[in-house]
Amino acid sequence: MANLNIKLVKSLNGRLEKQVATAHSMGLRKIGDITVQPDNDQTRGKIAKIGYLLQVTEVK
């Protein structure tokens, strides 16, 4: 199974509490933070909620 590099590219300031909590659950706290997550349904669901704040690339 592949992994995903997820980078926070937009600020969390002024976002809904749920959106900030989703970003924090992925380990993203500030702009430029990068995390590697497994490519599964749970991660894809989180990306769908805040995808416009993220840059996602696949790691092989």
PDB file of N, CA and C in Angstrom:
ATOM      1  N   MET A   1       0.841  -1.178   0.000  1.00  0.00           N
ATOM      2  CA  MET A   1       0.000   0.000   0.000  1.00  0.00           C
ATOM      3  C   MET A   1       0.888   1.243   0.000  1.00  0.00           C
ATOM      4  N   ALA A   2       0.497   2.227  -0.769  1.00  0.00           N
ATOM      5  CA  ALA A   2       1.278   3.457  -0.903  1.00  0.00           C
ATOM      6  C   ALA A   2       1.005   4.405   0.265  1.00  0.00           C
ATOM      7  N   ASN A   3       1.882   5.369   0.395  1.00  0.00           N
ATOM      8  CA  ASN A   3       1.718   6.424   1.399  1.00  0.00           C
ATOM      9  C   ASN A   3       1.483   7.748   0.698  1.00  0.00           C
ATOM     10  N   LEU A   4       0.982   8.713   1.445  1.00  0.00           N
ATOM     11  CA  LEU A   4       0.717  10.049   0.919  1.00  0.00           C
ATOM     12  C   LEU A   4       1.519  11.073   1.696  1.00  0.00           C
ATOM     13  N   ASN A   5       2.198  11.971   0.985  1.00  0.00           N
ATOM     14  CA  ASN A   5       2.813  13.141   1.598  1.00  0.00           C
ATOM     15  C   ASN A   5       1.750  14.222   1.633  1.00  0.00           C
ATOM     16  N   ILE A   6       1.464  14.745   2.800  1.00  0.00           N
ATOM     17  CA  ILE A   6       0.433  15.763   2.943  1.00  0.00           C
ATOM     18  C   ILE A   6       1.074  17.003   3.531  1.00  0.00           C
ATOM     19  N   LYS A   7       0.911  18.136   2.836  1.00  0.00           N
ATOM     20  CA  LYS A   7       1.513  19.398   3.248  1.00  0.00           C
ATOM     21  C   LYS A   7       0.420  20.441   3.440  1.00  0.00           C
ATOM     22  N   LEU A   8       0.478  21.156   4.563  1.00  0.00           N
ATOM     23  CA  LEU A   8      -0.469  22.243   4.826  1.00  0.00           C
ATOM     24  C   LEU A   8       0.018  23.488   4.102  1.00  0.00           C
ATOM     25  N   VAL A   9      -0.777  23.996   3.152  1.00  0.00           N
ATOM     26  CA  VAL A   9      -0.348  25.140   2.345  1.00  0.00           C
ATOM     27  C   VAL A   9      -1.146  26.408   2.619  1.00  0.00           C
ATOM     28  N   LYS A  10      -2.260  26.297   3.327  1.00  0.00           N
ATOM     29  CA  LYS A  10      -3.053  27.468   3.697  1.00  0.00           C
ATOM     30  C   LYS A  10      -3.231  27.491   5.207  1.00  0.00           C
ATOM     31  N   SER A  11      -3.408  28.674   5.749  1.00  0.00           N
ATOM     32  CA  SER A  11      -3.506  28.873   7.186  1.00  0.00           C
ATOM     33  C   SER A  11      -4.786  28.272   7.766  1.00  0.00           C
ATOM     34  N   LEU A  12      -4.698  27.902   9.035  1.00  0.00           N
ATOM     35  CA  LEU A  12      -5.868  27.399   9.756  1.00  0.00           C
ATOM     36  C   LEU A  12      -6.619  28.522  10.474  1.00  0.00           C
ATOM     37  N   ASN A  13      -6.072  29.737  10.436  1.00  0.00           N
ATOM     38  CA  ASN A  13      -6.732  30.874  11.088  1.00  0.00           C
ATOM     39  C   ASN A  13      -8.094  31.140  10.457  1.00  0.00           C
ATOM     40  N   GLY A  14      -9.091  31.297  11.287  1.00  0.00           N
ATOM     41  CA  GLY A  14     -10.428  31.609  10.816  1.00  0.00           C
ATOM     42  C   GLY A  14     -11.212  30.417  10.307  1.00  0.00           C
ATOM     43  N   ARG A  15     -10.663  29.229  10.385  1.00  0.00           N
ATOM     44  CA  ARG A  15     -11.365  28.019   9.927  1.00  0.00           C
ATOM     45  C   ARG A  15     -12.281  27.514  11.031  1.00  0.00           C
ATOM     46  N   LEU A  16     -13.231  26.687  10.649  1.00  0.00           N
ATOM     47  CA  LEU A  16     -14.128  26.076  11.622  1.00  0.00           C
ATOM     48  C   LEU A  16     -13.335  25.165  12.557  1.00  0.00           C
ATOM     49  N   GLU A  17     -13.847  25.013  13.764  1.00  0.00           N
ATOM     50  CA  GLU A  17     -13.174  24.199  14.772  1.00  0.00           C
ATOM     51  C   GLU A  17     -12.969  22.759  14.303  1.00  0.00           C
ATOM     52  N   LYS A  18     -13.943  22.216  13.586  1.00  0.00           N
ATOM     53  CA  LYS A  18     -13.837  20.852  13.075  1.00  0.00           C
ATOM     54  C   LYS A  18     -12.705  20.722  12.059  1.00  0.00           C
ATOM     55  N   GLN A  19     -12.532  21.745  11.226  1.00  0.00           N
ATOM     56  CA  GLN A  19     -11.478  21.713  10.218  1.00  0.00           C
ATOM     57  C   GLN A  19     -10.097  21.782  10.867  1.00  0.00           C
ATOM     58  N   VAL A  20      -9.954  22.617  11.885  1.00  0.00           N
ATOM     59  CA  VAL A  20      -8.688  22.720  12.607  1.00  0.00           C
ATOM     60  C   VAL A  20      -8.391  21.400  13.307  1.00  0.00           C
ATOM     61  N   ALA A  21      -9.400  20.790  13.901  1.00  0.00           N
ATOM     62  CA  ALA A  21      -9.215  19.515  14.592  1.00  0.00           C
ATOM     63  C   ALA A  21      -8.800  18.418  13.612  1.00  0.00           C
ATOM     64  N   THR A  22      -9.356  18.433  12.416  1.00  0.00           N
ATOM     65  CA  THR A  22      -8.981  17.449  11.397  1.00  0.00           C
ATOM     66  C   THR A  22      -7.519  17.615  11.001  1.00  0.00           C
ATOM     67  N   ALA A  23      -7.092  18.851  10.796  1.00  0.00           N
ATOM     68  CA  ALA A  23      -5.688  19.111  10.445  1.00  0.00           C
ATOM     69  C   ALA A  23      -4.762  18.672  11.577  1.00  0.00           C
ATOM     70  N   HIS A  24      -5.129  18.978  12.809  1.00  0.00           N
ATOM     71  CA  HIS A  24      -4.301  18.587  13.955  1.00  0.00           C
ATOM     72  C   HIS A  24      -4.236  17.075  14.101  1.00  0.00           C
ATOM     73  N   SER A  25      -5.326  16.382  13.799  1.00  0.00           N
ATOM     74  CA  SER A  25      -5.315  14.921  13.905  1.00  0.00           C
ATOM     75  C   SER A  25      -4.377  14.282  12.879  1.00  0.00           C
ATOM     76  N   MET A  26      -4.077  15.020  11.822  1.00  0.00           N
ATOM     77  CA  MET A  26      -3.144  14.545  10.804  1.00  0.00           C
ATOM     78  C   MET A  26      -1.714  14.992  11.108  1.00  0.00           C
ATOM     79  N   GLY A  27      -1.528  15.745  12.188  1.00  0.00           N
ATOM     80  CA  GLY A  27      -0.195  16.195  12.574  1.00  0.00           C
ATOM     81  C   GLY A  27       0.217  17.498  11.924  1.00  0.00           C
ATOM     82  N   LEU A  28      -0.744  18.247  11.390  1.00  0.00           N
ATOM     83  CA  LEU A  28      -0.468  19.509  10.709  1.00  0.00           C
ATOM     84  C   LEU A  28      -0.852  20.663  11.621  1.00  0.00           C
ATOM     85  N   ARG A  29       0.111  21.483  11.995  1.00  0.00           N
ATOM     86  CA  ARG A  29      -0.141  22.577  12.930  1.00  0.00           C
ATOM     87  C   ARG A  29       0.027  23.948  12.295  1.00  0.00           C
ATOM     88  N   LYS A  30       1.021  24.092  11.409  1.00  0.00           N
ATOM     89  CA  LYS A  30       1.284  25.397  10.816  1.00  0.00           C
ATOM     90  C   LYS A  30       1.618  25.234   9.337  1.00  0.00           C
ATOM     91  N   ILE A  31       1.574  26.316   8.593  1.00  0.00           N
ATOM     92  CA  ILE A  31       1.848  26.282   7.162  1.00  0.00           C
ATOM     93  C   ILE A  31       3.237  25.700   6.924  1.00  0.00           C
ATOM     94  N   GLY A  32       3.316  24.784   5.968  1.00  0.00           N
ATOM     95  CA  GLY A  32       4.588  24.162   5.625  1.00  0.00           C
ATOM     96  C   GLY A  32       4.826  22.834   6.305  1.00  0.00           C
ATOM     97  N   ASP A  33       4.009  22.482   7.287  1.00  0.00           N
ATOM     98  CA  ASP A  33       4.145  21.182   7.947  1.00  0.00           C
ATOM     99  C   ASP A  33       3.828  20.065   6.952  1.00  0.00           C
ATOM    100  N   ILE A  34       4.647  19.022   6.990  1.00  0.00           N
ATOM    101  CA  ILE A  34       4.463  17.873   6.103  1.00  0.00           C
ATOM    102  C   ILE A  34       4.356  16.620   6.957  1.00  0.00           C
ATOM    103  N   THR A  35       3.440  15.746   6.578  1.00  0.00           N
ATOM    104  CA  THR A  35       3.287  14.468   7.258  1.00  0.00           C
ATOM    105  C   THR A  35       3.100  13.372   6.220  1.00  0.00           C
ATOM    106  N   VAL A  36       3.489  12.163   6.576  1.00  0.00           N
ATOM    107  CA  VAL A  36       3.289  11.005   5.710  1.00  0.00           C
ATOM    108  C   VAL A  36       2.204  10.155   6.343  1.00  0.00           C
ATOM    109  N   GLN A  37       1.150   9.903   5.580  1.00  0.00           N
ATOM    110  CA  GLN A  37       0.003   9.134   6.061  1.00  0.00           C
ATOM    111  C   GLN A  37      -0.229   7.956   5.122  1.00  0.00           C
ATOM    112  N   PRO A  38      -0.779   6.855   5.641  1.00  0.00           N
ATOM    113  CA  PRO A  38      -1.111   5.725   4.765  1.00  0.00           C
ATOM    114  C   PRO A  38      -2.277   6.094   3.850  1.00  0.00           C
ATOM    115  N   ASP A  39      -2.269   5.536   2.661  1.00  0.00           N
ATOM    116  CA  ASP A  39      -3.339   5.795   1.698  1.00  0.00           C
ATOM    117  C   ASP A  39      -4.479   4.822   1.964  1.00  0.00           C
ATOM    118  N   ASN A  40      -5.395   5.217   2.850  1.00  0.00           N
ATOM    119  CA  ASN A  40      -6.546   4.374   3.165  1.00  0.00           C
ATOM    120  C   ASN A  40      -7.807   5.236   3.216  1.00  0.00           C
ATOM    121  N   ASP A  41      -8.940   4.605   3.472  1.00  0.00           N
ATOM    122  CA  ASP A  41     -10.214   5.323   3.464  1.00  0.00           C
ATOM    123  C   ASP A  41     -10.284   6.409   4.532  1.00  0.00           C
ATOM    124  N   GLN A  42      -9.732   6.159   5.704  1.00  0.00           N
ATOM    125  CA  GLN A  42      -9.772   7.136   6.788  1.00  0.00           C
ATOM    126  C   GLN A  42      -8.996   8.396   6.404  1.00  0.00           C
ATOM    127  N   THR A  43      -7.814   8.224   5.853  1.00  0.00           N
ATOM    128  CA  THR A  43      -7.005   9.366   5.439  1.00  0.00           C
ATOM    129  C   THR A  43      -7.673  10.103   4.290  1.00  0.00           C
ATOM    130  N   ARG A  44      -8.212   9.381   3.335  1.00  0.00           N
ATOM    131  CA  ARG A  44      -8.903  10.011   2.202  1.00  0.00           C
ATOM    132  C   ARG A  44     -10.117  10.820   2.672  1.00  0.00           C
ATOM    133  N   GLY A  45     -10.806  10.332   3.696  1.00  0.00           N
ATOM    134  CA  GLY A  45     -11.943  11.067   4.251  1.00  0.00           C
ATOM    135  C   GLY A  45     -11.518  12.380   4.874  1.00  0.00           C
ATOM    136  N   LYS A  46     -10.398  12.367   5.577  1.00  0.00           N
ATOM    137  CA  LYS A  46      -9.880  13.594   6.182  1.00  0.00           C
ATOM    138  C   LYS A  46      -9.453  14.584   5.111  1.00  0.00           C
ATOM    139  N   ILE A  47      -8.818  14.072   4.062  1.00  0.00           N
ATOM    140  CA  ILE A  47      -8.385  14.941   2.968  1.00  0.00           C
ATOM    141  C   ILE A  47      -9.594  15.571   2.288  1.00  0.00           C
ATOM    142  N   ALA A  48     -10.672  14.825   2.155  1.00  0.00           N
ATOM    143  CA  ALA A  48     -11.877  15.346   1.509  1.00  0.00           C
ATOM    144  C   ALA A  48     -12.466  16.516   2.295  1.00  0.00           C
ATOM    145  N   LYS A  49     -12.321  16.497   3.614  1.00  0.00           N
ATOM    146  CA  LYS A  49     -12.887  17.559   4.446  1.00  0.00           C
ATOM    147  C   LYS A  49     -12.115  18.862   4.341  1.00  0.00           C
ATOM    148  N   ILE A  50     -10.777  18.774   4.224  1.00  0.00           N
ATOM    149  CA  ILE A  50      -9.958  19.995   4.227  1.00  0.00           C
ATOM    150  C   ILE A  50      -8.983  20.017   3.050  1.00  0.00           C
ATOM    151  N   GLY A  51      -9.349  19.393   1.966  1.00  0.00           N
ATOM    152  CA  GLY A  51      -8.466  19.269   0.818  1.00  0.00           C
ATOM    153  C   GLY A  51      -8.003  20.581   0.227  1.00  0.00           C
ATOM    154  N   TYR A  52      -8.812  21.613   0.343  1.00  0.00           N
ATOM    155  CA  TYR A  52      -8.454  22.921  -0.231  1.00  0.00           C
ATOM    156  C   TYR A  52      -7.339  23.617   0.574  1.00  0.00           C
ATOM    157  N   LEU A  53      -7.010  23.077   1.747  1.00  0.00           N
ATOM    158  CA  LEU A  53      -5.920  23.622   2.558  1.00  0.00           C
ATOM    159  C   LEU A  53      -4.619  22.841   2.353  1.00  0.00           C
ATOM    160  N   LEU A  54      -4.687  21.741   1.621  1.00  0.00           N
ATOM    161  CA  LEU A  54      -3.572  20.795   1.555  1.00  0.00           C
ATOM    162  C   LEU A  54      -3.004  20.647   0.153  1.00  0.00           C
ATOM    163  N   GLN A  55      -1.778  20.137   0.123  1.00  0.00           N
ATOM    164  CA  GLN A  55      -1.152  19.676  -1.106  1.00  0.00           C
ATOM    165  C   GLN A  55      -0.801  18.209  -0.857  1.00  0.00           C
ATOM    166  N   VAL A  56      -1.337  17.325  -1.675  1.00  0.00           N
ATOM    167  CA  VAL A  56      -1.180  15.890  -1.455  1.00  0.00           C
ATOM    168  C   VAL A  56      -0.409  15.284  -2.634  1.00  0.00           C
ATOM    169  N   THR A  57       0.650  14.532  -2.311  1.00  0.00           N
ATOM    170  CA  THR A  57       1.393  13.796  -3.332  1.00  0.00           C
ATOM    171  C   THR A  57       1.571  12.360  -2.869  1.00  0.00           C
ATOM    172  N   GLU A  58       1.654  11.453  -3.835  1.00  0.00           N
ATOM    173  CA  GLU A  58       1.799  10.036  -3.512  1.00  0.00           C
ATOM    174  C   GLU A  58       3.267   9.667  -3.425  1.00  0.00           C
ATOM    175  N   VAL A  59       3.612   8.890  -2.401  1.00  0.00           N
ATOM    176  CA  VAL A  59       4.963   8.374  -2.230  1.00  0.00           C
ATOM    177  C   VAL A  59       4.937   6.904  -2.604  1.00  0.00           C
ATOM    178  N   LYS A  60       5.872   6.500  -3.441  1.00  0.00           N
ATOM    179  CA  LYS A  60       5.878   5.095  -3.894  1.00  0.00           C
ATOM    180  C   LYS A  60       6.856   4.270  -3.113  1.00  0.00           C
TER     181      LYS A  60
END
